[in-house]
């Protein structure tokens, strides 16, 4: 796949709300690009301004242009409980009661428009947001969610970890333990949000909580499954490994009309 079609951006540790705003800017850009809208240049300027103001430490950013059809954002979030579109504002008071201990640890509650329910984000967890034009790759929503999950399975195979995707309880699992959560949103053919993978994050905060609709769900992380290797890896290098597998799969599934 041409480098112009796919851009990779690693943001290190990022507030959820900041990353969410960036995704929405990118969605508007890809929508304008697909429609050949007159607002395209303005959208591009807004993205450049947002990145330079929000991430002044970033250098040599890849230029996003009219040929770009997929932007892969990697980061770890500050402690956050993100609430998917199945939650309503009226649920917040009961949620604050349930998550009192976490909120006392300075976790933030953040509403967003992805699918699913409550998900925990924290340092050491790799969060990847592919923002892409599904139509450009001949992908429908169901196919893309499956592709994202199978990409995670293939990525973990590189570490000799046997994982599987549970379509009835969306996520990627090792044995019966969840290692990755998936939640997306599609707007006018552009998909955003994505997948969070437990790498080195503290799993204790998951205990006793209703995560993705289940209480006391068993959770695992990559560090415990291959500790020697993880001591030599950084999150940005792991992000690039995942991004390479995802890019390859998008091409493969697109060429095979939505099958691996």
Protein backbone atom coordinates (compact mmCIF):
# COMPACT_ATOMS: atom_id res chain seq x y z
CA UNK A 1 0.00 0.00 0.00
CA UNK A 2 1.31 3.45 -0.90
CA UNK A 3 2.76 5.50 1.95
CA UNK A 4 0.52 8.34 0.79
CA UNK A 5 -2.61 6.29 1.54
CA UNK A 6 -1.72 5.46 5.16
CA UNK A 7 -0.27 7.75 7.83
CA UNK A 8 0.93 6.58 11.24
CA UNK A 9 0.96 8.90 14.22
CA UNK A 10 2.14 7.95 17.70
CA UNK A 11 1.11 10.47 20.36
CA UNK A 12 2.60 8.92 23.51
CA UNK A 13 0.43 9.68 26.58
CA UNK A 14 -2.65 11.65 25.61
CA UNK A 15 -5.78 12.85 27.35
CA UNK A 16 -8.80 10.98 26.01
CA UNK A 17 -10.68 14.18 25.16
CA UNK A 18 -7.75 15.54 23.13
CA UNK A 19 -7.42 12.37 21.09
CA UNK A 20 -11.18 12.25 20.59
CA UNK A 21 -11.15 15.77 19.18
CA UNK A 22 -8.31 14.86 16.82
CA UNK A 23 -10.28 11.87 15.55
CA UNK A 24 -13.29 14.05 14.78
CA UNK A 25 -11.09 16.46 12.80
CA UNK A 26 -9.67 13.55 10.83
CA UNK A 27 -13.16 12.17 10.18
CA UNK A 28 -14.25 15.51 8.74
CA UNK A 29 -11.12 15.62 6.58
CA UNK A 30 -11.70 12.13 5.12
CA UNK A 31 -15.37 12.90 4.55
CA UNK A 32 -14.48 16.11 2.71
CA UNK A 33 -11.86 14.20 0.70
CA UNK A 34 -14.39 11.52 -0.30
CA UNK A 35 -16.86 14.20 -1.38
CA UNK A 36 -14.23 16.41 -3.07
CA UNK A 37 -15.53 19.18 -0.83
CA UNK A 38 -14.32 22.76 -1.03
CA UNK A 39 -13.69 22.58 2.73
CA UNK A 40 -10.84 20.07 2.28
CA UNK A 41 -8.01 22.60 2.53
CA UNK A 42 -9.62 24.22 5.55
CA UNK A 43 -9.96 20.80 7.22
CA UNK A 44 -6.27 20.11 6.55
CA UNK A 45 -5.27 23.44 8.10
CA UNK A 46 -7.39 22.69 11.17
CA UNK A 47 -5.61 19.35 11.64
CA UNK A 48 -2.15 20.91 11.25
CA UNK A 49 -3.04 23.66 13.74
CA UNK A 50 -4.50 21.18 16.24
CA UNK A 51 -1.44 18.92 16.10
CA UNK A 52 1.06 21.77 16.43
CA UNK A 53 -0.84 23.31 19.36
CA UNK A 54 -1.69 20.08 21.20
CA UNK A 55 1.53 18.17 20.52
CA UNK A 56 4.35 20.72 20.11
CA UNK A 57 6.87 18.02 21.00
CA UNK A 58 6.08 16.05 17.84
CA UNK A 59 8.61 16.47 15.05
CA UNK A 60 8.64 15.46 11.39
CA UNK A 61 4.94 14.71 11.21
CA UNK A 62 3.80 12.88 8.11
CA UNK A 63 1.76 15.25 5.97
CA UNK A 64 -1.88 14.27 5.62
CA UNK A 65 -3.06 15.05 2.09
CA UNK A 66 -5.87 14.29 -0.36
CA UNK A 67 -4.40 10.84 -1.11
CA UNK A 68 -4.64 9.78 2.54
CA UNK A 69 -7.37 7.21 3.19
CA UNK A 70 -6.32 5.86 6.59
CA UNK A 71 -4.65 7.47 9.60
CA UNK A 72 -3.48 5.21 12.42
CA UNK A 73 -3.21 6.92 15.81
CA UNK A 74 -1.39 5.17 18.64
CA UNK A 75 -1.18 6.33 22.24
CA UNK A 76 -1.67 5.50 25.88
CA UNK A 77 -4.33 7.47 27.74
CA UNK A 78 -4.22 9.10 31.12
CA UNK A 79 -6.57 7.25 33.55
CA UNK A 80 -10.01 7.39 31.93
CA UNK A 81 -13.34 5.60 32.00
CA UNK A 82 -14.79 6.05 28.52
CA UNK A 83 -18.52 5.56 28.11
CA UNK A 84 -19.88 4.40 24.77
CA UNK A 85 -23.08 5.50 23.07
CA UNK A 86 -25.17 2.94 24.98
CA UNK A 87 -24.83 5.21 28.00
CA UNK A 88 -27.03 8.24 28.54
CA UNK A 89 -26.24 11.35 30.53
CA UNK A 90 -28.82 10.23 33.09
CA UNK A 91 -26.64 7.21 33.89
CA UNK A 92 -23.71 9.31 35.07
CA UNK A 93 -24.80 9.65 38.71
CA UNK A 94 -25.13 5.88 39.15
CA UNK A 95 -21.81 5.38 37.37
CA UNK A 96 -20.09 7.85 39.66
CA UNK A 97 -21.32 5.77 42.57
CA UNK A 98 -20.02 2.54 41.02
CA UNK A 99 -16.64 4.01 40.13
CA UNK A 100 -16.04 6.02 43.31
CA UNK A 101 -12.70 4.37 44.07
CA UNK A 102 -11.38 4.97 40.57
CA UNK A 103 -12.58 8.56 40.48
CA UNK A 104 -10.77 9.10 43.77
CA UNK A 105 -7.65 7.88 41.96
CA UNK A 106 -8.15 10.74 39.50
CA UNK A 107 -9.78 8.73 36.73
CA UNK A 108 -11.93 10.86 34.46
CA UNK A 109 -15.34 9.94 33.08
CA UNK A 110 -15.59 10.70 29.35
CA UNK A 111 -18.64 10.29 27.14
CA UNK A 112 -18.02 9.40 23.50
CA UNK A 113 -19.93 8.10 20.49
CA UNK A 114 -18.24 4.72 19.97
CA UNK A 115 -20.19 1.49 20.30
CA UNK A 116 -20.21 -0.43 23.55
CA UNK A 117 -20.40 0.47 27.22
CA UNK A 118 -17.72 1.35 29.78
CA UNK A 119 -14.03 0.78 29.07
CA UNK A 120 -11.02 1.55 31.26
CA UNK A 121 -7.95 3.29 29.81
CA UNK A 122 -4.70 3.85 31.67
CA UNK A 123 -0.95 4.21 31.14
CA UNK A 124 0.61 1.03 29.78
CA UNK A 125 -2.44 0.17 27.69
CA UNK A 126 -1.92 0.67 23.95
CA UNK A 127 -4.90 2.38 22.32
CA UNK A 128 -5.04 2.40 18.53
CA UNK A 129 -7.52 4.52 16.59
CA UNK A 130 -7.60 3.74 12.87
CA UNK A 131 -9.47 6.54 11.14
CA UNK A 132 -10.26 5.27 7.65
CA UNK A 133 -12.56 5.49 4.67
CA UNK A 134 -14.21 2.06 4.59
CA UNK A 135 -15.49 2.56 1.05
CA UNK A 136 -11.99 3.17 -0.29
CA UNK A 137 -11.04 -0.31 0.89
CA UNK A 138 -14.35 -2.04 -0.02
CA UNK A 139 -15.04 -2.83 3.64
CA UNK A 140 -18.40 -2.94 5.37
CA UNK A 141 -18.79 -2.40 9.11
CA UNK A 142 -19.10 -6.06 10.14
CA UNK A 143 -16.14 -7.02 7.98
CA UNK A 144 -14.01 -4.20 9.38
CA UNK A 145 -14.70 -5.09 13.02
CA UNK A 146 -13.74 -8.68 12.25
CA UNK A 147 -10.62 -7.46 10.43
CA UNK A 148 -9.60 -5.34 13.43
CA UNK A 149 -10.04 -8.31 15.77
CA UNK A 150 -8.21 -10.75 13.52
CA UNK A 151 -5.39 -8.23 13.17
CA UNK A 152 -4.98 -8.33 16.94
CA UNK A 153 -5.03 -12.15 16.86
CA UNK A 154 -2.34 -12.18 14.13
CA UNK A 155 -0.30 -9.57 16.02
CA UNK A 156 -0.34 -11.70 19.18
CA UNK A 157 0.71 -14.76 17.17
CA UNK A 158 3.98 -12.95 16.53
CA UNK A 159 4.56 -13.31 20.28
CA UNK A 160 3.56 -17.00 20.20
CA UNK A 161 0.30 -16.19 21.93
CA UNK A 162 -2.82 -18.06 20.82
CA UNK A 163 -5.77 -15.67 20.94
CA UNK A 164 -9.27 -15.62 19.51
CA UNK A 165 -12.05 -13.18 18.72
CA UNK A 166 -15.39 -13.59 20.51
CA UNK A 167 -18.00 -12.03 18.23
CA UNK A 168 -20.80 -12.47 20.79
CA UNK A 169 -18.79 -10.60 23.43
CA UNK A 170 -16.64 -8.34 21.23
CA UNK A 171 -13.02 -8.48 22.18
CA UNK A 172 -9.87 -10.56 21.82
CA UNK A 173 -9.20 -13.25 24.41
CA UNK A 174 -6.35 -15.47 25.54
CA UNK A 175 -7.98 -18.57 26.96
CA UNK A 176 -10.89 -16.99 28.84
CA UNK A 177 -9.14 -13.73 29.68
CA UNK A 178 -9.74 -10.53 27.73
CA UNK A 179 -6.62 -8.82 26.41
CA UNK A 180 -8.17 -6.33 23.97
CA UNK A 181 -11.43 -4.37 23.66
CA UNK A 182 -12.96 -3.15 20.41
CA UNK A 183 -15.40 -0.31 19.82
CA UNK A 184 -15.90 1.78 16.70
CA UNK A 185 -18.15 4.40 15.20
CA UNK A 186 -18.86 4.93 11.49
CA UNK A 187 -19.98 8.30 10.13
CA UNK A 188 -20.69 8.66 6.41
CA UNK A 189 -18.39 5.77 5.60
CA UNK A 190 -15.52 6.90 7.86
CA UNK A 191 -14.65 4.65 10.80
CA UNK A 192 -12.97 5.91 13.97
CA UNK A 193 -12.28 4.82 17.56
CA UNK A 194 -10.76 1.31 17.51
CA UNK A 195 -8.99 -1.10 19.82
CA UNK A 196 -7.26 -1.03 23.22
CA UNK A 197 -4.69 -3.71 24.09
CA UNK A 198 -3.42 -4.40 27.59
CA UNK A 199 0.38 -4.30 27.44
CA UNK A 200 1.95 -3.30 30.78
CA UNK A 201 -0.97 -1.53 32.48
CA UNK A 202 -2.03 -2.23 36.07
CA UNK A 203 -4.95 -4.69 35.92
CA UNK A 204 -6.02 -4.21 39.53
CA UNK A 205 -8.33 -1.32 38.64
CA UNK A 206 -10.50 -3.68 36.57
CA UNK A 207 -11.47 -5.73 39.62
CA UNK A 208 -15.10 -5.54 40.71
CA UNK A 209 -16.14 -3.26 37.86
CA UNK A 210 -18.66 -3.67 35.09
CA UNK A 211 -16.45 -3.44 32.03
CA UNK A 212 -18.10 -3.79 28.63
CA UNK A 213 -21.22 -4.94 30.46
CA UNK A 214 -19.67 -7.69 32.61
CA UNK A 215 -18.62 -7.60 36.25
CA UNK A 216 -15.37 -9.22 37.44
CA UNK A 217 -14.33 -10.12 33.92
CA UNK A 218 -10.96 -11.87 33.77
CA UNK A 219 -8.34 -9.63 32.17
CA UNK A 220 -4.80 -10.30 31.00
CA UNK A 221 -1.91 -8.30 29.56
CA UNK A 222 0.94 -8.91 27.18
CA UNK A 223 3.62 -8.30 29.80
CA UNK A 224 2.51 -11.33 31.84
CA UNK A 225 2.33 -13.56 28.78
CA UNK A 226 5.88 -12.80 27.57
CA UNK A 227 7.68 -10.81 30.32
CA UNK A 228 11.22 -11.20 28.96
CA UNK A 229 10.29 -9.74 25.59
CA UNK A 230 8.22 -6.90 27.01
CA UNK A 231 11.16 -5.64 29.06
CA UNK A 232 12.84 -4.77 25.74
CA UNK A 233 9.84 -3.21 24.00
CA UNK A 234 8.38 0.28 24.01
CA UNK A 235 4.74 1.10 23.32
CA UNK A 236 5.59 3.05 20.19
CA UNK A 237 7.47 0.09 18.70
CA UNK A 238 4.55 -2.22 19.54
CA UNK A 239 2.19 0.28 17.90
CA UNK A 240 4.25 0.22 14.70
CA UNK A 241 4.22 -3.61 14.69
CA UNK A 242 0.43 -3.62 15.05
CA UNK A 243 0.06 -0.89 12.43
CA UNK A 244 2.06 -2.92 9.91
CA UNK A 245 -0.14 -5.99 10.44
CA UNK A 246 -3.30 -3.89 10.18
CA UNK A 247 -2.15 -2.21 6.96
CA UNK A 248 -1.34 -5.58 5.40
CA UNK A 249 -4.72 -6.98 6.43
CA UNK A 250 -6.66 -4.01 5.06
CA UNK A 251 -5.05 -4.57 1.65
CA UNK A 252 -5.57 -8.34 1.79
CA UNK A 253 -9.20 -8.20 2.89
CA UNK A 254 -9.98 -5.41 0.44
CA UNK A 255 -8.53 -7.37 -2.48
CA UNK A 256 -10.36 -10.53 -1.41
CA UNK A 257 -13.70 -8.73 -1.06
CA UNK A 258 -13.82 -8.73 2.72
CA UNK A 259 -12.25 -12.06 3.58
CA UNK A 260 -8.75 -12.92 4.85
